[in-house]
Amino acid sequence: MAVRMKGKSLASLKDLTREEIEEILKTSELLKLQILRGQAH
C-alpha cells in the first residue's frame, strides 16, 4: 500500500477518498512505529 502510494503524484492525492487517506496515514504511522522500535533495540 505505502509503496504504491509513492508512485502517485500529489495531484492525484486530491482524488483519494477520506477512507483511503485515513488508511494511508494509519499505514505510515505503523511504519514509523516499526522504524522507531527497530532503532531503539
PDB file of N, CA and C in Angstrom:
ATOM      1  N   MET A   1       0.827  -1.208   0.000  1.00  0.00           N
ATOM      2  CA  MET A   1       0.000   0.000   0.000  1.00  0.00           C
ATOM      3  C   MET A   1       0.863   1.259   0.000  1.00  0.00           C
ATOM      4  N   ALA A   2       1.717   1.388   1.010  1.00  0.00           N
ATOM      5  CA  ALA A   2       2.548   2.587   1.140  1.00  0.00           C
ATOM      6  C   ALA A   2       3.479   2.736  -0.064  1.00  0.00           C
ATOM      7  N   VAL A   3       4.004   1.601  -0.539  1.00  0.00           N
ATOM      8  CA  VAL A   3       4.937   1.646  -1.661  1.00  0.00           C
ATOM      9  C   VAL A   3       4.215   2.116  -2.922  1.00  0.00           C
ATOM     10  N   ARG A   4       2.991   1.627  -3.117  1.00  0.00           N
ATOM     11  CA  ARG A   4       2.235   2.019  -4.292  1.00  0.00           C
ATOM     12  C   ARG A   4       1.940   3.516  -4.282  1.00  0.00           C
ATOM     13  N   MET A   5       1.686   4.067  -3.106  1.00  0.00           N
ATOM     14  CA  MET A   5       1.356   5.485  -2.998  1.00  0.00           C
ATOM     15  C   MET A   5       2.494   6.380  -3.467  1.00  0.00           C
ATOM     16  N   LYS A   6       3.721   5.946  -3.274  1.00  0.00           N
ATOM     17  CA  LYS A   6       4.870   6.763  -3.657  1.00  0.00           C
ATOM     18  C   LYS A   6       4.856   7.072  -5.150  1.00  0.00           C
ATOM     19  N   GLY A   7       4.282   6.180  -5.939  1.00  0.00           N
ATOM     20  CA  GLY A   7       4.237   6.380  -7.377  1.00  0.00           C
ATOM     21  C   GLY A   7       3.223   7.432  -7.807  1.00  0.00           C
ATOM     22  N   LYS A   8       2.289   7.756  -6.929  1.00  0.00           N
ATOM     23  CA  LYS A   8       1.248   8.728  -7.281  1.00  0.00           C
ATOM     24  C   LYS A   8       1.739  10.155  -7.080  1.00  0.00           C
ATOM     25  N   SER A   9       1.281  11.029  -7.956  1.00  0.00           N
ATOM     26  CA  SER A   9       1.636  12.440  -7.796  1.00  0.00           C
ATOM     27  C   SER A   9       0.742  13.066  -6.734  1.00  0.00           C
ATOM     28  N   LEU A  10       1.170  14.206  -6.217  1.00  0.00           N
ATOM     29  CA  LEU A  10       0.372  14.883  -5.196  1.00  0.00           C
ATOM     30  C   LEU A  10      -0.991  15.285  -5.747  1.00  0.00           C
ATOM     31  N   ALA A  11      -1.062  15.575  -7.027  1.00  0.00           N
ATOM     32  CA  ALA A  11      -2.326  15.978  -7.634  1.00  0.00           C
ATOM     33  C   ALA A  11      -3.364  14.868  -7.505  1.00  0.00           C
ATOM     34  N   SER A  12      -2.930  13.625  -7.661  1.00  0.00           N
ATOM     35  CA  SER A  12      -3.874  12.512  -7.594  1.00  0.00           C
ATOM     36  C   SER A  12      -4.316  12.236  -6.164  1.00  0.00           C
ATOM     37  N   LEU A  13      -3.562  12.733  -5.193  1.00  0.00           N
ATOM     38  CA  LEU A  13      -3.955  12.530  -3.798  1.00  0.00           C
ATOM     39  C   LEU A  13      -5.286  13.219  -3.508  1.00  0.00           C
ATOM     40  N   LYS A  14      -5.572  14.299  -4.230  1.00  0.00           N
ATOM     41  CA  LYS A  14      -6.838  15.009  -4.032  1.00  0.00           C
ATOM     42  C   LYS A  14      -8.021  14.128  -4.401  1.00  0.00           C
ATOM     43  N   ASP A  15      -7.789  13.142  -5.267  1.00  0.00           N
ATOM     44  CA  ASP A  15      -8.872  12.280  -5.729  1.00  0.00           C
ATOM     45  C   ASP A  15      -9.150  11.122  -4.780  1.00  0.00           C
ATOM     46  N   LEU A  16      -8.290  10.951  -3.792  1.00  0.00           N
ATOM     47  CA  LEU A  16      -8.496   9.858  -2.850  1.00  0.00           C
ATOM     48  C   LEU A  16      -9.703  10.134  -1.965  1.00  0.00           C
ATOM     49  N   THR A  17     -10.342   9.062  -1.554  1.00  0.00           N
ATOM     50  CA  THR A  17     -11.460   9.227  -0.630  1.00  0.00           C
ATOM     51  C   THR A  17     -10.912   9.410   0.774  1.00  0.00           C
ATOM     52  N   ARG A  18     -11.758   9.867   1.663  1.00  0.00           N
ATOM     53  CA  ARG A  18     -11.363  10.067   3.055  1.00  0.00           C
ATOM     54  C   ARG A  18     -10.866   8.755   3.664  1.00  0.00           C
ATOM     55  N   GLU A  19     -11.547   7.652   3.324  1.00  0.00           N
ATOM     56  CA  GLU A  19     -11.151   6.348   3.859  1.00  0.00           C
ATOM     57  C   GLU A  19      -9.754   5.967   3.394  1.00  0.00           C
ATOM     58  N   GLU A  20      -9.467   6.220   2.129  1.00  0.00           N
ATOM     59  CA  GLU A  20      -8.140   5.892   1.594  1.00  0.00           C
ATOM     60  C   GLU A  20      -7.062   6.713   2.285  1.00  0.00           C
ATOM     61  N   ILE A  21      -7.352   7.991   2.507  1.00  0.00           N
ATOM     62  CA  ILE A  21      -6.379   8.864   3.172  1.00  0.00           C
ATOM     63  C   ILE A  21      -6.113   8.372   4.587  1.00  0.00           C
ATOM     64  N   GLU A  22      -7.184   8.009   5.309  1.00  0.00           N
ATOM     65  CA  GLU A  22      -7.018   7.520   6.678  1.00  0.00           C
ATOM     66  C   GLU A  22      -6.213   6.226   6.689  1.00  0.00           C
ATOM     67  N   GLU A  23      -6.457   5.362   5.693  1.00  0.00           N
ATOM     68  CA  GLU A  23      -5.728   4.095   5.595  1.00  0.00           C
ATOM     69  C   GLU A  23      -4.241   4.360   5.370  1.00  0.00           C
ATOM     70  N   ILE A  24      -3.937   5.323   4.509  1.00  0.00           N
ATOM     71  CA  ILE A  24      -2.543   5.671   4.223  1.00  0.00           C
ATOM     72  C   ILE A  24      -1.864   6.222   5.472  1.00  0.00           C
ATOM     73  N   LEU A  25      -2.564   7.101   6.190  1.00  0.00           N
ATOM     74  CA  LEU A  25      -1.997   7.682   7.405  1.00  0.00           C
ATOM     75  C   LEU A  25      -1.740   6.604   8.443  1.00  0.00           C
ATOM     76  N   LYS A  26      -2.697   5.669   8.568  1.00  0.00           N
ATOM     77  CA  LYS A  26      -2.528   4.574   9.529  1.00  0.00           C
ATOM     78  C   LYS A  26      -1.312   3.737   9.163  1.00  0.00           C
ATOM     79  N   THR A  27      -1.181   3.450   7.869  1.00  0.00           N
ATOM     80  CA  THR A  27      -0.057   2.641   7.403  1.00  0.00           C
ATOM     81  C   THR A  27       1.270   3.329   7.693  1.00  0.00           C
ATOM     82  N   SER A  28       1.338   4.631   7.418  1.00  0.00           N
ATOM     83  CA  SER A  28       2.593   5.353   7.641  1.00  0.00           C
ATOM     84  C   SER A  28       2.914   5.447   9.126  1.00  0.00           C
ATOM     85  N   GLU A  29       1.887   5.577   9.968  1.00  0.00           N
ATOM     86  CA  GLU A  29       2.112   5.611  11.414  1.00  0.00           C
ATOM     87  C   GLU A  29       2.689   4.282  11.881  1.00  0.00           C
ATOM     88  N   LEU A  30       2.135   3.175  11.378  1.00  0.00           N
ATOM     89  CA  LEU A  30       2.628   1.852  11.757  1.00  0.00           C
ATOM     90  C   LEU A  30       4.073   1.677  11.318  1.00  0.00           C
ATOM     91  N   LEU A  31       4.386   2.131  10.109  1.00  0.00           N
ATOM     92  CA  LEU A  31       5.759   2.019   9.613  1.00  0.00           C
ATOM     93  C   LEU A  31       6.709   2.828  10.481  1.00  0.00           C
ATOM     94  N   LYS A  32       6.274   4.027  10.873  1.00  0.00           N
ATOM     95  CA  LYS A  32       7.110   4.876  11.732  1.00  0.00           C
ATOM     96  C   LYS A  32       7.375   4.199  13.071  1.00  0.00           C
ATOM     97  N   LEU A  33       6.334   3.609  13.641  1.00  0.00           N
ATOM     98  CA  LEU A  33       6.489   2.924  14.929  1.00  0.00           C
ATOM     99  C   LEU A  33       7.470   1.763  14.803  1.00  0.00           C
ATOM    100  N   GLN A  34       7.369   1.014  13.708  1.00  0.00           N
ATOM    101  CA  GLN A  34       8.265  -0.121  13.498  1.00  0.00           C
ATOM    102  C   GLN A  34       9.707   0.356  13.368  1.00  0.00           C
ATOM    103  N   ILE A  35       9.901   1.455  12.652  1.00  0.00           N
ATOM    104  CA  ILE A  35      11.251   2.001  12.466  1.00  0.00           C
ATOM    105  C   ILE A  35      11.817   2.467  13.801  1.00  0.00           C
ATOM    106  N   LEU A  36      11.001   3.192  14.573  1.00  0.00           N
ATOM    107  CA  LEU A  36      11.454   3.685  15.876  1.00  0.00           C
ATOM    108  C   LEU A  36      11.791   2.526  16.803  1.00  0.00           C
ATOM    109  N   ARG A  37      10.952   1.490  16.766  1.00  0.00           N
ATOM    110  CA  ARG A  37      11.196   0.318  17.604  1.00  0.00           C
ATOM    111  C   ARG A  37      12.498  -0.356  17.196  1.00  0.00           C
ATOM    112  N   GLY A  38      12.730  -0.420  15.888  1.00  0.00           N
ATOM    113  CA  GLY A  38      13.947  -1.047  15.393  1.00  0.00           C
ATOM    114  C   GLY A  38      15.191  -0.287  15.822  1.00  0.00           C
ATOM    115  N   GLN A  39      15.103   1.038  15.865  1.00  0.00           N
ATOM    116  CA  GLN A  39      16.252   1.852  16.264  1.00  0.00           C
ATOM    117  C   GLN A  39      16.479   1.778  17.769  1.00  0.00           C
ATOM    118  N   ALA A  40      15.407   1.555  18.527  1.00  0.00           N
ATOM    119  CA  ALA A  40      15.515   1.532  19.990  1.00  0.00           C
ATOM    120  C   ALA A  40      16.281   0.306  20.479  1.00  0.00           C
ATOM    121  N   HIS A  41      16.151  -0.799  19.733  1.00  0.00           N
ATOM    122  CA  HIS A  41      16.788  -2.042  20.196  1.00  0.00           C
ATOM    123  C   HIS A  41      18.282  -2.053  19.921  1.00  0.00           C
TER     124      HIS A  41
END
